[in-house]
Amino acid sequence: MTDDESTVVQLYCRFEIRVDDPQAVFEAAERELRSADVDWPGEQETLDEAVAELRSDLAQSIAGLVDPDRVLAGVPGLEVRRGRWWAEVGPPSDRFQPGFGSPEEDANR
């Protein structure tokens, strides 16, 4: 099957996450960053500067732990080609309202 024959699907996700131990999140995000295959000499900041920045922002640390490839790993015939994600502290953004309903339910509101 070629790209011309493939079906492209947009997968939209939103999670509400309760953080009981921010320190554990910071530590996990730091481990991920330190183990990532990053060419640090080619970056504008050093690894230690990136770790310090990550540890100062809970939402950024959570977003850094998201890996779309892992979500769909092992599914035959499927390739994650690109994605965009972020995390924000607080209530749901208006961009994701009205909520967790199906698209059909949201269209009927």
Protein backbone atom coordinates (compact mmCIF):
# COMPACT_ATOMS: atom_id res chain seq x y z
CA MET A 1 0.00 0.00 0.00
CA THR A 2 1.34 3.44 -0.89
CA ASP A 3 0.63 6.84 0.69
CA ASP A 4 -1.87 7.41 -2.13
CA GLU A 5 -3.80 4.31 -1.02
CA SER A 6 -3.45 4.91 2.74
CA THR A 7 -6.11 6.41 4.94
CA VAL A 8 -5.02 9.31 7.10
CA VAL A 9 -6.80 9.56 10.47
CA GLN A 10 -6.55 12.39 13.01
CA LEU A 11 -6.67 11.06 16.58
CA TYR A 12 -7.66 13.68 19.17
CA CYS A 13 -6.98 13.01 22.84
CA ARG A 14 -7.43 14.86 26.09
CA PHE A 15 -6.50 13.53 29.51
CA GLU A 16 -7.19 14.96 32.92
CA ILE A 17 -4.30 14.05 35.20
CA ARG A 18 -4.18 14.47 38.97
CA VAL A 19 -0.65 14.94 40.27
CA ASP A 20 -0.14 13.77 43.84
CA ASP A 21 3.67 13.76 43.77
CA PRO A 22 5.17 16.48 41.55
CA GLN A 23 8.68 15.46 42.60
CA ALA A 24 8.13 11.96 41.18
CA VAL A 25 6.93 13.52 37.90
CA PHE A 26 10.00 15.78 37.75
CA GLU A 27 12.29 12.79 38.38
CA ALA A 28 10.61 10.69 35.67
CA ALA A 29 10.79 13.56 33.17
CA GLU A 30 14.46 14.10 33.98
CA ARG A 31 15.21 10.39 33.46
CA GLU A 32 13.47 10.49 30.08
CA LEU A 33 15.36 13.62 29.05
CA ARG A 34 18.73 12.24 30.14
CA SER A 35 18.13 8.97 28.26
CA ALA A 36 16.86 10.69 25.08
CA ASP A 37 19.00 10.60 21.99
CA VAL A 38 19.72 14.34 21.84
CA ASP A 39 22.79 15.91 20.23
CA TRP A 40 23.41 18.34 23.09
CA PRO A 41 26.40 20.11 21.49
CA GLY A 42 24.04 21.04 18.64
CA GLU A 43 21.40 22.45 20.99
CA GLN A 44 21.12 26.03 22.29
CA GLU A 45 21.12 24.85 25.91
CA THR A 46 23.08 22.24 27.81
CA LEU A 47 21.58 19.08 29.26
CA ASP A 48 21.80 20.53 32.76
CA GLU A 49 20.03 23.73 31.65
CA ALA A 50 17.29 21.68 29.98
CA VAL A 51 16.87 19.56 33.14
CA ALA A 52 16.63 22.70 35.30
CA GLU A 53 13.99 24.17 32.98
CA LEU A 54 12.04 20.91 32.96
CA ARG A 55 12.12 20.69 36.77
CA SER A 56 10.70 24.21 37.04
CA ASP A 57 7.55 23.50 35.02
CA LEU A 58 5.18 20.68 36.00
CA ALA A 59 3.09 20.89 32.82
CA GLN A 60 6.20 20.78 30.63
CA SER A 61 7.48 17.77 32.58
CA ILE A 62 4.20 15.92 32.05
CA ALA A 63 4.16 16.79 28.34
CA GLY A 64 7.75 15.54 28.10
CA LEU A 65 6.63 12.13 29.31
CA VAL A 66 4.05 11.72 26.52
CA ASP A 67 5.13 9.40 23.72
CA PRO A 68 2.52 8.86 20.97
CA ASP A 69 4.61 6.07 19.44
CA ARG A 70 4.25 4.03 22.65
CA VAL A 71 0.48 4.47 22.72
CA LEU A 72 0.08 2.64 19.43
CA ALA A 73 3.23 0.51 19.50
CA GLY A 74 2.80 -2.95 18.09
CA VAL A 75 -0.32 -2.20 16.06
CA PRO A 76 0.29 -3.74 12.63
CA GLY A 77 -0.32 -1.59 9.58
CA LEU A 78 -0.21 1.67 11.52
CA GLU A 79 2.49 4.35 11.58
CA VAL A 80 2.42 7.44 13.79
CA ARG A 81 3.69 10.09 11.39
CA ARG A 82 3.48 13.26 13.47
CA GLY A 83 1.75 14.68 16.47
CA ARG A 84 1.30 17.69 18.67
CA TRP A 85 0.67 17.67 22.37
CA TRP A 86 1.04 19.89 25.39
CA ALA A 87 -0.07 20.08 28.99
CA GLU A 88 -1.62 22.96 30.90
CA VAL A 89 -2.27 23.34 34.61
CA GLY A 90 -5.86 24.14 35.51
CA PRO A 91 -9.32 23.50 34.07
CA PRO A 92 -9.86 22.30 30.48
CA SER A 93 -9.02 24.82 27.79
CA ASP A 94 -11.92 26.22 25.76
CA ARG A 95 -10.25 24.62 22.73
CA PHE A 96 -11.39 21.24 24.06
CA GLN A 97 -14.90 22.06 25.14
CA PRO A 98 -17.59 21.00 25.67
CA GLY A 99 -15.97 17.97 27.24
CA PHE A 100 -15.50 14.27 26.96
CA GLY A 101 -18.57 13.57 24.86
CA SER A 102 -18.39 11.88 21.46
CA PRO A 103 -18.16 14.16 18.41
CA GLU A 104 -21.77 13.27 17.59
CA GLU A 105 -22.94 14.30 21.07
CA ASP A 106 -20.94 17.53 20.88
CA ALA A 107 -22.45 18.38 17.47
CA ASN A 108 -25.97 18.04 18.87
CA ARG A 109 -25.42 20.51 21.71
